Protein backbone atom coordinates (compact mmCIF):
# COMPACT_ATOMS: atom_id res chain seq x y z
CA MET A 1 19.07 8.92 -0.90
CA ASP A 2 17.09 11.76 -2.24
CA TYR A 3 15.40 10.12 -5.29
CA LYS A 4 11.93 11.63 -5.63
CA LYS A 5 12.19 13.03 -2.10
CA LYS A 6 10.47 16.28 -3.33
CA GLU A 7 7.58 14.36 -4.61
CA ILE A 8 7.28 12.43 -1.31
CA THR A 9 7.55 15.68 0.71
CA GLU A 10 4.63 17.11 -1.49
CA HIS A 11 2.53 14.00 -0.59
CA PHE A 12 3.14 14.70 3.03
CA ASN A 13 2.37 18.25 2.75
CA ASP A 14 -0.95 17.34 1.04
CA PHE A 15 -1.57 14.90 3.77
CA LEU A 16 -1.07 17.62 6.39
CA GLU A 17 -3.51 19.95 4.68
CA GLU A 18 -6.10 17.23 4.48
CA ASN A 19 -5.59 16.27 8.19
CA ASP A 20 -4.76 19.55 9.82
CA ASN A 21 -7.66 19.29 12.29
CA GLN A 22 -6.36 15.80 13.50
CA LEU A 23 -3.19 17.42 14.76
CA PHE A 24 -4.81 19.20 17.58
CA GLU A 25 -8.00 17.04 17.99
CA ASP A 26 -6.26 13.72 18.36
CA LYS A 27 -3.31 13.86 20.93
CA TYR A 28 -1.69 10.88 19.48
CA PHE A 29 -1.91 11.86 15.67
CA TYR A 30 1.21 14.17 15.81
CA ASP A 31 3.23 11.16 17.38
CA ASP A 32 1.91 8.69 14.84
CA ILE A 33 1.83 11.04 11.81
CA HIS A 34 4.45 8.99 9.90
CA HIS A 35 2.33 5.90 10.31
CA HIS A 36 -0.92 7.60 9.27
CA CYS A 37 0.68 9.13 6.05
CA PHE A 38 2.95 6.28 4.96
CA ASN A 39 1.77 3.09 6.46
CA THR A 40 -2.06 2.93 6.30
CA ASP A 41 -2.30 3.02 2.41
CA TYR A 42 -0.10 2.36 -0.61
CA TYR A 43 1.80 5.17 -2.25
CA ILE A 44 1.53 3.37 -5.55
CA ILE A 45 -0.64 0.57 -6.59
CA GLY A 46 0.08 -1.49 -9.74
CA THR A 47 3.26 -3.14 -11.03
CA TYR A 48 3.39 -0.99 -14.15
CA LYS A 49 3.09 2.24 -12.30
CA ALA A 50 5.69 1.02 -9.76
CA LYS A 51 8.28 0.09 -12.46
CA LYS A 52 7.78 3.46 -14.20
CA TRP A 53 8.24 5.39 -10.96
CA LEU A 54 11.38 3.46 -9.98
CA GLY A 55 12.78 4.07 -13.47
CA ASP A 56 16.65 3.66 -13.65
CA GLU A 57 16.97 3.77 -9.84
CA THR A 58 15.60 0.30 -9.16
CA LEU A 59 18.93 -1.23 -8.05
CA ASN A 60 19.92 1.72 -6.01
CA ILE A 61 16.63 1.70 -4.24
CA ILE A 62 16.77 -2.05 -3.65
CA ASN A 63 20.21 -1.60 -2.06
CA PHE A 64 18.83 1.31 0.00
CA ILE A 65 16.03 -0.68 1.30
CA LYS A 66 18.23 -3.67 2.02
CA GLU A 67 20.64 -1.52 4.22
CA TYR A 68 17.78 0.07 5.92
CA GLU A 69 16.11 -3.18 6.88
CA GLU A 70 19.28 -4.94 7.87
CA PHE A 71 20.23 -2.09 10.03
CA ASN A 72 16.84 -1.55 11.68
CA PHE A 73 15.48 -5.09 11.70
CA GLY A 74 18.51 -7.48 11.27
CA LYS A 75 17.03 -8.88 8.17
CA VAL A 76 15.36 -8.05 4.89
CA SER A 77 11.54 -8.55 4.93
CA THR A 78 10.37 -6.58 1.83
CA ASP A 79 9.78 -8.71 -1.22
CA LEU A 80 12.49 -7.16 -3.45
CA SER A 81 11.08 -8.97 -6.60
CA ASP A 82 7.93 -6.90 -6.36
CA ALA A 83 8.18 -3.33 -7.84
CA GLU A 84 5.13 -2.18 -5.82
CA LYS A 85 6.47 -3.35 -2.54
CA ILE A 86 9.81 -1.74 -3.34
CA VAL A 87 8.34 1.61 -4.07
CA ASN A 88 5.99 1.61 -1.13
CA MET A 89 8.90 0.61 1.16
CA TYR A 90 11.17 3.18 -0.20
CA VAL A 91 8.58 5.87 0.36
CA TYR A 92 8.05 4.63 3.83
CA ILE A 93 11.68 5.10 4.61
CA ILE A 94 12.06 8.55 2.96
CA GLY A 95 8.86 9.52 4.61
CA GLU A 96 10.51 8.99 8.06
CA GLU A 97 13.13 11.54 6.99
CA VAL A 98 10.57 14.02 5.67
CA VAL A 99 8.37 13.65 9.00
CA ASN A 100 11.43 13.92 11.17
CA ASP A 101 12.69 17.05 9.43
CA TRP A 102 9.19 18.68 9.80
CA LYS A 103 8.83 17.75 13.55
CA ASN A 104 12.38 19.06 14.13
CA ASN A 105 11.37 22.45 12.55
CA ILE A 106 8.18 22.71 14.48
CA ASP A 107 9.75 21.49 17.70
CA GLU A 108 12.48 24.22 17.45
CA ASP A 109 9.73 26.80 17.26
CA LEU A 110 7.36 25.27 19.74
CA GLN A 111 9.71 25.03 22.59
CA TYR A 112 8.73 28.55 23.61
CA LEU A 113 5.10 28.28 23.31
CA ASN A 114 2.57 27.27 25.94
CA THR A 115 -0.43 24.81 25.41
CA GLU A 116 -2.89 27.59 24.58
CA THR A 117 -0.59 29.14 21.91
CA PHE A 118 0.04 25.49 20.63
CA ARG A 119 -3.71 25.04 19.65
CA TRP A 120 -3.48 28.43 17.91
CA PHE A 121 -0.38 27.38 16.11
CA PHE A 122 -1.95 24.12 14.65
CA ASN A 123 -5.08 26.04 13.78
CA GLY A 124 -3.50 28.29 11.24
CA VAL A 125 0.16 28.95 11.42
CA ASN A 126 0.86 25.23 10.73
CA LYS A 127 -0.04 25.69 7.02
CA THR A 128 3.16 27.76 6.83
CA TYR A 129 5.22 24.86 8.29
CA ARG A 130 5.27 22.64 5.26
CA ALA A 131 8.04 20.11 4.94
CA VAL A 132 10.80 21.26 2.80
């Protein structure tokens, strides 16, 4: 599902820009970047905003979340009657895809770099590796 994926990708890119120092200062930040970006704060707060954000895709998003949670956890745990929780879970799931795509692009290029070059890479060149 690609509903608002571009918006979620832009959110991740903004997060990268705001936290680019963490990428090389904290050795665990890269591994936990999805958690830091999509699980430490709400993407949308407020039922009205959430309902507006979901628009006509509410039922499709609910089914998407149900399939994801049943496959990954064996049961559905998101309160699917709460628009705010639906949005935030959907953004969390799409965020996994965005982060994995970003990491795959970086990993392909980094396989040829040594540790010293890695630090240089995240100091400046990383800004060109925005999630797409």
